[in-house]
Amino acid sequence: MTNRSFSIACLPVLVAIIAFSYTGCDFDKREFIETAKSTFAAFYNSNYRTTDSTIDWHVLSINGDEVGRDYMQMTTDYDKLAYRKAIVVRLRTLCTQKGWNPANMKNWRISERGVESASVTADGPKGSIIMTLRKYQAEKRIGTIQIR
């Protein structure tokens, strides 16, 4: 096999690798979307166990408000738990004011994609929600929530 024919034979493999690394794995995309959906349902239904595992409380930002910074300054586990519960209530209130619930949020999609992150957008009756997630080892965690 000559160098030219070897190069031509390797071209489809190289294109596939580049396309895969640029677009990401479909499984990863589904996981990002499913994490965002389940987190939305969890804070709507006040399911603190799910929100504790899918939200990155240390860096969380809601509509530009750096709530993670306040969380990091708390010293006791009791204060941190109370703060997480208060933030979940705040998120639920913001969504109910818009008339949103898990059933009427539609068109869940990846709006931006990075190597280890994605922004997931969903449309509701009076606006949209955007959740930015990062991959930490095998988990996807939400760091930013924007309600528009």
N, C-alpha and C. Protein backbone atom coordinates (compact mmCIF):
# COMPACT_ATOMS: atom_id res chain seq x y z
N MET A 1 0.86 -1.17 0.00
CA MET A 1 0.00 0.00 0.00
C MET A 1 0.90 1.23 0.00
N THR A 2 0.62 2.13 -0.90
CA THR A 2 1.43 3.35 -0.98
C THR A 2 0.98 4.34 0.07
N ASN A 3 1.79 5.34 0.28
CA ASN A 3 1.45 6.37 1.27
C ASN A 3 0.17 7.09 0.88
N ARG A 4 -0.01 7.32 -0.42
CA ARG A 4 -1.21 8.04 -0.87
C ARG A 4 -2.47 7.22 -0.61
N SER A 5 -2.46 5.95 -0.93
CA SER A 5 -3.65 5.13 -0.71
C SER A 5 -3.89 4.92 0.79
N PHE A 6 -2.83 4.86 1.59
CA PHE A 6 -2.99 4.77 3.04
C PHE A 6 -3.63 6.04 3.58
N SER A 7 -3.20 7.20 3.07
CA SER A 7 -3.78 8.48 3.50
C SER A 7 -5.25 8.57 3.13
N ILE A 8 -5.59 8.12 1.95
CA ILE A 8 -6.98 8.15 1.50
C ILE A 8 -7.82 7.18 2.34
N ALA A 9 -7.27 6.03 2.69
CA ALA A 9 -7.99 5.06 3.50
C ALA A 9 -8.21 5.57 4.93
N CYS A 10 -7.28 6.36 5.44
CA CYS A 10 -7.40 6.90 6.81
C CYS A 10 -8.28 8.13 6.89
N LEU A 11 -8.55 8.76 5.76
CA LEU A 11 -9.32 10.00 5.75
C LEU A 11 -10.71 9.85 6.38
N PRO A 12 -11.50 8.82 6.04
CA PRO A 12 -12.83 8.69 6.68
C PRO A 12 -12.73 8.52 8.21
N VAL A 13 -11.73 7.79 8.66
CA VAL A 13 -11.55 7.60 10.09
C VAL A 13 -11.22 8.92 10.76
N LEU A 14 -10.34 9.69 10.16
CA LEU A 14 -9.96 10.99 10.70
C LEU A 14 -11.15 11.94 10.73
N VAL A 15 -11.95 11.96 9.68
CA VAL A 15 -13.14 12.81 9.63
C VAL A 15 -14.13 12.39 10.73
N ALA A 16 -14.30 11.10 10.93
CA ALA A 16 -15.22 10.61 11.97
C ALA A 16 -14.74 11.02 13.36
N ILE A 17 -13.45 10.94 13.60
CA ILE A 17 -12.90 11.34 14.90
C ILE A 17 -13.10 12.82 15.13
N ILE A 18 -12.84 13.63 14.13
CA ILE A 18 -13.02 15.08 14.26
C ILE A 18 -14.50 15.41 14.48
N ALA A 19 -15.37 14.78 13.72
CA ALA A 19 -16.81 15.05 13.87
C ALA A 19 -17.30 14.63 15.25
N PHE A 20 -16.84 13.49 15.73
CA PHE A 20 -17.25 13.02 17.05
C PHE A 20 -16.76 13.96 18.15
N SER A 21 -15.52 14.41 18.05
CA SER A 21 -14.99 15.29 19.10
C SER A 21 -15.63 16.67 19.04
N TYR A 22 -16.04 17.11 17.86
CA TYR A 22 -16.67 18.43 17.74
C TYR A 22 -18.11 18.41 18.24
N THR A 23 -18.86 17.40 17.85
CA THR A 23 -20.28 17.36 18.20
C THR A 23 -20.55 16.68 19.52
N GLY A 24 -19.65 15.86 19.97
CA GLY A 24 -19.87 15.14 21.22
C GLY A 24 -20.70 13.90 20.99
N CYS A 25 -20.74 13.10 21.98
CA CYS A 25 -21.46 11.84 21.93
C CYS A 25 -22.96 12.09 22.12
N ASP A 26 -23.79 11.42 21.33
CA ASP A 26 -25.24 11.56 21.49
C ASP A 26 -25.69 11.12 22.87
N PHE A 27 -25.02 10.11 23.43
CA PHE A 27 -25.34 9.65 24.77
C PHE A 27 -25.10 10.78 25.78
N ASP A 28 -23.98 11.48 25.64
CA ASP A 28 -23.69 12.63 26.51
C ASP A 28 -24.77 13.70 26.37
N LYS A 29 -25.18 13.98 25.15
CA LYS A 29 -26.21 15.00 24.92
C LYS A 29 -27.50 14.62 25.63
N ARG A 30 -27.89 13.37 25.49
CA ARG A 30 -29.11 12.89 26.16
C ARG A 30 -28.97 13.01 27.68
N GLU A 31 -27.79 12.69 28.20
CA GLU A 31 -27.58 12.79 29.65
C GLU A 31 -27.68 14.23 30.13
N PHE A 32 -27.12 15.16 29.37
CA PHE A 32 -27.23 16.58 29.75
C PHE A 32 -28.70 16.99 29.78
N ILE A 33 -29.45 16.63 28.76
CA ILE A 33 -30.86 17.00 28.69
C ILE A 33 -31.66 16.32 29.81
N GLU A 34 -31.42 15.04 30.04
CA GLU A 34 -32.15 14.32 31.09
C GLU A 34 -31.83 14.88 32.47
N THR A 35 -30.57 15.27 32.71
CA THR A 35 -30.21 15.87 34.00
C THR A 35 -30.94 17.19 34.19
N ALA A 36 -30.99 18.01 33.14
CA ALA A 36 -31.69 19.30 33.24
C ALA A 36 -33.19 19.07 33.48
N LYS A 37 -33.79 18.14 32.75
CA LYS A 37 -35.22 17.85 32.92
C LYS A 37 -35.52 17.36 34.34
N SER A 38 -34.72 16.41 34.81
CA SER A 38 -34.98 15.84 36.14
C SER A 38 -34.74 16.87 37.23
N THR A 39 -33.78 17.76 37.03
CA THR A 39 -33.54 18.81 38.02
C THR A 39 -34.69 19.80 38.05
N PHE A 40 -35.19 20.17 36.87
CA PHE A 40 -36.35 21.06 36.81
C PHE A 40 -37.53 20.44 37.56
N ALA A 41 -37.82 19.18 37.27
CA ALA A 41 -38.93 18.49 37.95
C ALA A 41 -38.66 18.40 39.45
N ALA A 42 -37.41 18.19 39.83
CA ALA A 42 -37.06 18.06 41.25
C ALA A 42 -37.27 19.36 42.00
N PHE A 43 -36.82 20.49 41.44
CA PHE A 43 -37.05 21.71 42.21
C PHE A 43 -38.49 22.17 42.11
N TYR A 44 -39.19 21.80 41.05
CA TYR A 44 -40.62 22.12 40.99
C TYR A 44 -41.39 21.33 42.05
N ASN A 45 -40.98 20.08 42.27
CA ASN A 45 -41.66 19.21 43.24
C ASN A 45 -40.97 19.17 44.60
N SER A 46 -40.01 20.06 44.82
CA SER A 46 -39.26 20.14 46.09
C SER A 46 -38.61 18.81 46.46
N ASN A 47 -38.00 18.16 45.49
CA ASN A 47 -37.28 16.91 45.72
C ASN A 47 -35.82 17.26 46.00
N TYR A 48 -35.51 17.46 47.28
CA TYR A 48 -34.19 17.95 47.67
C TYR A 48 -33.09 16.93 47.41
N ARG A 49 -33.40 15.65 47.47
CA ARG A 49 -32.38 14.63 47.23
C ARG A 49 -31.82 14.75 45.81
N THR A 50 -32.70 14.94 44.84
CA THR A 50 -32.25 15.08 43.46
C THR A 50 -31.50 16.39 43.25
N THR A 51 -32.03 17.49 43.77
CA THR A 51 -31.35 18.78 43.57
C THR A 51 -29.99 18.80 44.25
N ASP A 52 -29.85 18.10 45.38
CA ASP A 52 -28.54 18.04 46.04
C ASP A 52 -27.50 17.35 45.17
N SER A 53 -27.94 16.38 44.36
CA SER A 53 -26.97 15.63 43.56
C SER A 53 -26.78 16.18 42.15
N THR A 54 -27.69 17.02 41.66
CA THR A 54 -27.56 17.50 40.27
C THR A 54 -27.18 18.97 40.16
N ILE A 55 -27.23 19.71 41.27
CA ILE A 55 -26.84 21.12 41.25
C ILE A 55 -25.48 21.26 41.92
N ASP A 56 -24.59 21.99 41.29
CA ASP A 56 -23.29 22.28 41.88
C ASP A 56 -23.44 23.52 42.76
N TRP A 57 -23.75 23.31 44.01
CA TRP A 57 -24.09 24.39 44.93
C TRP A 57 -22.95 25.36 45.17
N HIS A 58 -21.72 24.93 44.97
CA HIS A 58 -20.56 25.79 45.23
C HIS A 58 -20.41 26.91 44.20
N VAL A 59 -20.91 26.70 43.01
CA VAL A 59 -20.74 27.69 41.94
C VAL A 59 -22.06 28.19 41.36
N LEU A 60 -23.17 27.77 41.93
CA LEU A 60 -24.48 28.07 41.35
C LEU A 60 -24.73 29.56 41.19
N SER A 61 -25.25 29.90 40.02
CA SER A 61 -25.66 31.26 39.70
C SER A 61 -27.08 31.19 39.14
N ILE A 62 -27.98 32.03 39.68
CA ILE A 62 -29.36 32.07 39.21
C ILE A 62 -29.64 33.48 38.72
N ASN A 63 -29.90 33.61 37.42
CA ASN A 63 -30.16 34.92 36.81
C ASN A 63 -29.09 35.94 37.18
N GLY A 64 -27.85 35.50 37.20
CA GLY A 64 -26.72 36.39 37.49
C GLY A 64 -26.41 36.56 38.96
N ASP A 65 -27.25 36.06 39.84
CA ASP A 65 -27.02 36.14 41.28
C ASP A 65 -26.14 34.96 41.70
N GLU A 66 -24.96 35.26 42.20
CA GLU A 66 -23.98 34.23 42.56
C GLU A 66 -24.33 33.60 43.91
N VAL A 67 -25.33 32.74 43.93
CA VAL A 67 -25.76 32.12 45.18
C VAL A 67 -24.74 31.12 45.70
N GLY A 68 -23.92 30.57 44.84
CA GLY A 68 -22.88 29.65 45.26
C GLY A 68 -21.84 30.31 46.15
N ARG A 69 -21.58 31.55 45.91
CA ARG A 69 -20.62 32.30 46.73
C ARG A 69 -21.12 32.40 48.17
N ASP A 70 -22.40 32.71 48.34
CA ASP A 70 -22.99 32.76 49.68
C ASP A 70 -22.96 31.38 50.34
N TYR A 71 -23.24 30.36 49.55
CA TYR A 71 -23.24 28.99 50.05
C TYR A 71 -21.86 28.60 50.58
N MET A 72 -20.83 28.99 49.87
CA MET A 72 -19.46 28.65 50.27
C MET A 72 -19.06 29.30 51.59
N GLN A 73 -19.66 30.42 51.93
CA GLN A 73 -19.30 31.12 53.16
C GLN A 73 -19.98 30.52 54.39
N MET A 74 -20.92 29.63 54.19
CA MET A 74 -21.60 29.01 55.33
C MET A 74 -20.71 27.95 55.95
N THR A 75 -20.78 27.85 57.27
CA THR A 75 -19.84 26.95 57.96
C THR A 75 -20.48 25.66 58.47
N THR A 76 -21.76 25.68 58.77
CA THR A 76 -22.37 24.46 59.32
C THR A 76 -23.20 23.74 58.26
N ASP A 77 -23.28 22.44 58.40
CA ASP A 77 -24.10 21.64 57.49
C ASP A 77 -25.57 22.02 57.59
N TYR A 78 -26.01 22.37 58.78
CA TYR A 78 -27.40 22.78 58.98
C TYR A 78 -27.71 24.04 58.17
N ASP A 79 -26.81 25.03 58.23
CA ASP A 79 -27.01 26.27 57.47
C ASP A 79 -27.01 26.00 55.96
N LYS A 80 -26.10 25.12 55.53
CA LYS A 80 -26.03 24.80 54.11
C LYS A 80 -27.30 24.10 53.63
N LEU A 81 -27.81 23.17 54.44
CA LEU A 81 -29.04 22.47 54.08
C LEU A 81 -30.22 23.44 54.00
N ALA A 82 -30.33 24.32 54.99
CA ALA A 82 -31.42 25.31 54.99
C ALA A 82 -31.31 26.23 53.78
N TYR A 83 -30.08 26.61 53.42
CA TYR A 83 -29.87 27.49 52.27
C TYR A 83 -30.27 26.78 50.97
N ARG A 84 -29.86 25.51 50.81
CA ARG A 84 -30.23 24.75 49.61
C ARG A 84 -31.75 24.65 49.49
N LYS A 85 -32.42 24.39 50.60
CA LYS A 85 -33.88 24.29 50.56
C LYS A 85 -34.51 25.63 50.19
N ALA A 86 -33.96 26.73 50.71
CA ALA A 86 -34.49 28.06 50.37
C ALA A 86 -34.30 28.37 48.90
N ILE A 87 -33.17 27.97 48.33
CA ILE A 87 -32.91 28.21 46.90
C ILE A 87 -33.87 27.38 46.05
N VAL A 88 -34.14 26.15 46.45
CA VAL A 88 -35.09 25.31 45.71
C VAL A 88 -36.48 25.95 45.73
N VAL A 89 -36.88 26.49 46.87
CA VAL A 89 -38.17 27.19 46.97
C VAL A 89 -38.16 28.41 46.05
N ARG A 90 -37.04 29.12 46.03
CA ARG A 90 -36.91 30.30 45.15
C ARG A 90 -37.07 29.90 43.69
N LEU A 91 -36.42 28.82 43.28
CA LEU A 91 -36.52 28.36 41.89
C LEU A 91 -37.96 27.95 41.56
N ARG A 92 -38.58 27.24 42.48
CA ARG A 92 -39.98 26.84 42.25
C ARG A 92 -40.87 28.07 42.11
N THR A 93 -40.67 29.06 42.95
CA THR A 93 -41.47 30.28 42.90
C THR A 93 -41.28 31.01 41.57
N LEU A 94 -40.03 31.12 41.13
CA LEU A 94 -39.76 31.78 39.84
C LEU A 94 -40.48 31.06 38.70
N CYS A 95 -40.48 29.74 38.74
CA CYS A 95 -41.13 28.96 37.68
C CYS A 95 -42.65 29.04 37.75
N THR A 96 -43.21 28.97 38.95
CA THR A 96 -44.67 29.04 39.05
C THR A 96 -45.19 30.43 38.68
N GLN A 97 -44.38 31.46 38.91
CA GLN A 97 -44.78 32.80 38.48
C GLN A 97 -44.89 32.88 36.96
N LYS A 98 -44.10 32.08 36.27
CA LYS A 98 -44.15 32.04 34.80
C LYS A 98 -45.23 31.07 34.31
N GLY A 99 -45.85 30.32 35.21
CA GLY A 99 -46.84 29.33 34.82
C GLY A 99 -46.23 28.03 34.35
N TRP A 100 -44.99 27.77 34.74
CA TRP A 100 -44.29 26.57 34.29
C TRP A 100 -44.51 25.42 35.24
N ASN A 101 -44.52 24.23 34.65
CA ASN A 101 -44.48 22.99 35.41
C ASN A 101 -43.80 21.96 34.52
N PRO A 102 -43.42 20.80 35.06
CA PRO A 102 -42.71 19.82 34.23
C PRO A 102 -43.48 19.39 32.98
N ALA A 103 -44.80 19.43 33.02
CA ALA A 103 -45.60 18.98 31.87
C ALA A 103 -45.63 19.98 30.73
N ASN A 104 -45.52 21.29 31.03
CA ASN A 104 -45.65 22.26 29.94
C ASN A 104 -44.32 22.84 29.47
N MET A 105 -43.22 22.33 29.97
CA MET A 105 -41.91 22.73 29.44
C MET A 105 -41.60 21.86 28.23
N LYS A 106 -41.40 22.48 27.10
CA LYS A 106 -41.25 21.75 25.83
C LYS A 106 -39.92 22.10 25.17
N ASN A 107 -39.61 21.33 24.16
CA ASN A 107 -38.46 21.58 23.29
C ASN A 107 -37.14 21.63 24.07
N TRP A 108 -36.90 20.63 24.91
CA TRP A 108 -35.63 20.53 25.62
C TRP A 108 -34.54 20.24 24.59
N ARG A 109 -33.49 21.06 24.61
CA ARG A 109 -32.45 20.92 23.59
C ARG A 109 -31.12 21.47 24.10
N ILE A 110 -30.06 21.05 23.44
CA ILE A 110 -28.73 21.60 23.71
C ILE A 110 -28.61 22.88 22.91
N SER A 111 -28.42 24.00 23.58
CA SER A 111 -28.29 25.28 22.87
C SER A 111 -26.83 25.67 22.67
N GLU A 112 -25.95 25.20 23.53
CA GLU A 112 -24.50 25.42 23.38
C GLU A 112 -23.81 24.17 23.88
N ARG A 113 -22.67 23.86 23.25
CA ARG A 113 -21.96 22.64 23.64
C ARG A 113 -20.48 22.94 23.73
N GLY A 114 -19.87 22.56 24.84
CA GLY A 114 -18.43 22.62 25.00
C GLY A 114 -17.89 21.21 25.11
N VAL A 115 -16.62 21.09 25.38
CA VAL A 115 -16.01 19.77 25.49
C VAL A 115 -16.57 19.03 26.71
N GLU A 116 -16.64 19.69 27.85
CA GLU A 116 -17.11 19.08 29.09
C GLU A 116 -18.36 19.78 29.63
N SER A 117 -19.06 20.53 28.81
CA SER A 117 -20.21 21.29 29.29
C SER A 117 -21.27 21.42 28.20
N ALA A 118 -22.45 21.82 28.63
CA ALA A 118 -23.54 22.07 27.68
C ALA A 118 -24.55 23.00 28.34
N SER A 119 -25.20 23.80 27.52
CA SER A 119 -26.33 24.60 27.97
C SER A 119 -27.59 23.97 27.40
N VAL A 120 -28.51 23.67 28.29
CA VAL A 120 -29.78 23.04 27.91
C VAL A 120 -30.88 24.09 28.05
N THR A 121 -31.66 24.25 27.00
CA THR A 121 -32.75 25.23 26.98
C THR A 121 -34.08 24.51 26.83
N ALA A 122 -35.09 25.02 27.53
CA ALA A 122 -36.46 24.52 27.38
C ALA A 122 -37.39 25.71 27.31
N ASP A 123 -38.46 25.56 26.56
CA ASP A 123 -39.43 26.64 26.38
C ASP A 123 -40.68 26.36 27.20
N GLY A 124 -41.17 27.42 27.85
CA GLY A 124 -42.40 27.34 28.62
C GLY A 124 -43.40 28.34 28.08
N PRO A 125 -44.57 28.44 28.71
CA PRO A 125 -45.61 29.35 28.22
C PRO A 125 -45.19 30.82 28.15
N LYS A 126 -44.40 31.29 29.10
CA LYS A 126 -44.04 32.71 29.13
C LYS A 126 -42.54 32.93 29.15
N GLY A 127 -41.80 32.14 28.42
CA GLY A 127 -40.36 32.34 28.38
C GLY A 127 -39.62 31.03 28.28
N SER A 128 -38.36 31.07 28.69
CA SER A 128 -37.53 29.88 28.60
C SER A 128 -36.59 29.80 29.80
N ILE A 129 -36.09 28.60 30.02
CA ILE A 129 -35.10 28.37 31.06
C ILE A 129 -33.86 27.81 30.40
N ILE A 130 -32.72 28.28 30.84
CA ILE A 130 -31.44 27.79 30.33
C ILE A 130 -30.63 27.31 31.52
N MET A 131 -30.19 26.07 31.46
CA MET A 131 -29.35 25.50 32.51
C MET A 131 -28.02 25.12 31.89
N THR A 132 -26.95 25.61 32.48
CA THR A 132 -25.61 25.26 32.01
C THR A 132 -25.05 24.19 32.93
N LEU A 133 -24.66 23.09 32.32
CA LEU A 133 -24.16 21.94 33.07
C LEU A 133 -22.71 21.68 32.72
N ARG A 134 -21.97 21.16 33.68
CA ARG A 134 -20.60 20.72 33.46
C ARG A 134 -20.51 19.24 33.84
N LYS A 135 -19.61 18.57 33.15
CA LYS A 135 -19.39 17.17 33.45
C LYS A 135 -18.30 17.07 34.51
N TYR A 136 -18.61 16.42 35.63
CA TYR A 136 -17.64 16.13 36.68
C TYR A 136 -17.55 14.62 36.79
N GLN A 137 -16.44 14.07 36.29
CA GLN A 137 -16.26 12.62 36.21
C GLN A 137 -17.45 12.03 35.47
N ALA A 138 -18.26 11.21 36.09
CA ALA A 138 -19.38 10.59 35.37
C ALA A 138 -20.69 11.36 35.56
N GLU A 139 -20.67 12.44 36.33
CA GLU A 139 -21.90 13.17 36.64
C GLU A 139 -21.99 14.49 35.88
N LYS A 140 -23.22 14.89 35.60
CA LYS A 140 -23.48 16.21 35.03
C LYS A 140 -24.08 17.05 36.15
N ARG A 141 -23.55 18.26 36.34
CA ARG A 141 -24.04 19.14 37.42
C ARG A 141 -24.33 20.52 36.88
N ILE A 142 -25.42 21.11 37.38
CA ILE A 142 -25.86 22.43 36.93
C ILE A 142 -25.14 23.51 37.73
N GLY A 143 -24.56 24.47 37.01
CA GLY A 143 -23.87 25.58 37.66
C GLY A 143 -24.55 26.91 37.43
N THR A 144 -25.33 27.02 36.36
CA THR A 144 -25.99 28.28 36.04
C THR A 144 -27.43 28.00 35.61
N ILE A 145 -28.35 28.80 36.15
CA ILE A 145 -29.75 28.73 35.74
C ILE A 145 -30.20 30.13 35.38
N GLN A 146 -30.72 30.27 34.17
CA GLN A 146 -31.26 31.55 33.72
C GLN A 146 -32.73 31.36 33.37
N ILE A 147 -33.56 32.17 33.99
CA ILE A 147 -35.00 32.11 33.73
C ILE A 147 -35.37 33.39 32.99
N ARG A 148 -35.88 33.24 31.77
CA ARG A 148 -36.18 34.39 30.92
C ARG A 148 -37.65 34.42 30.56
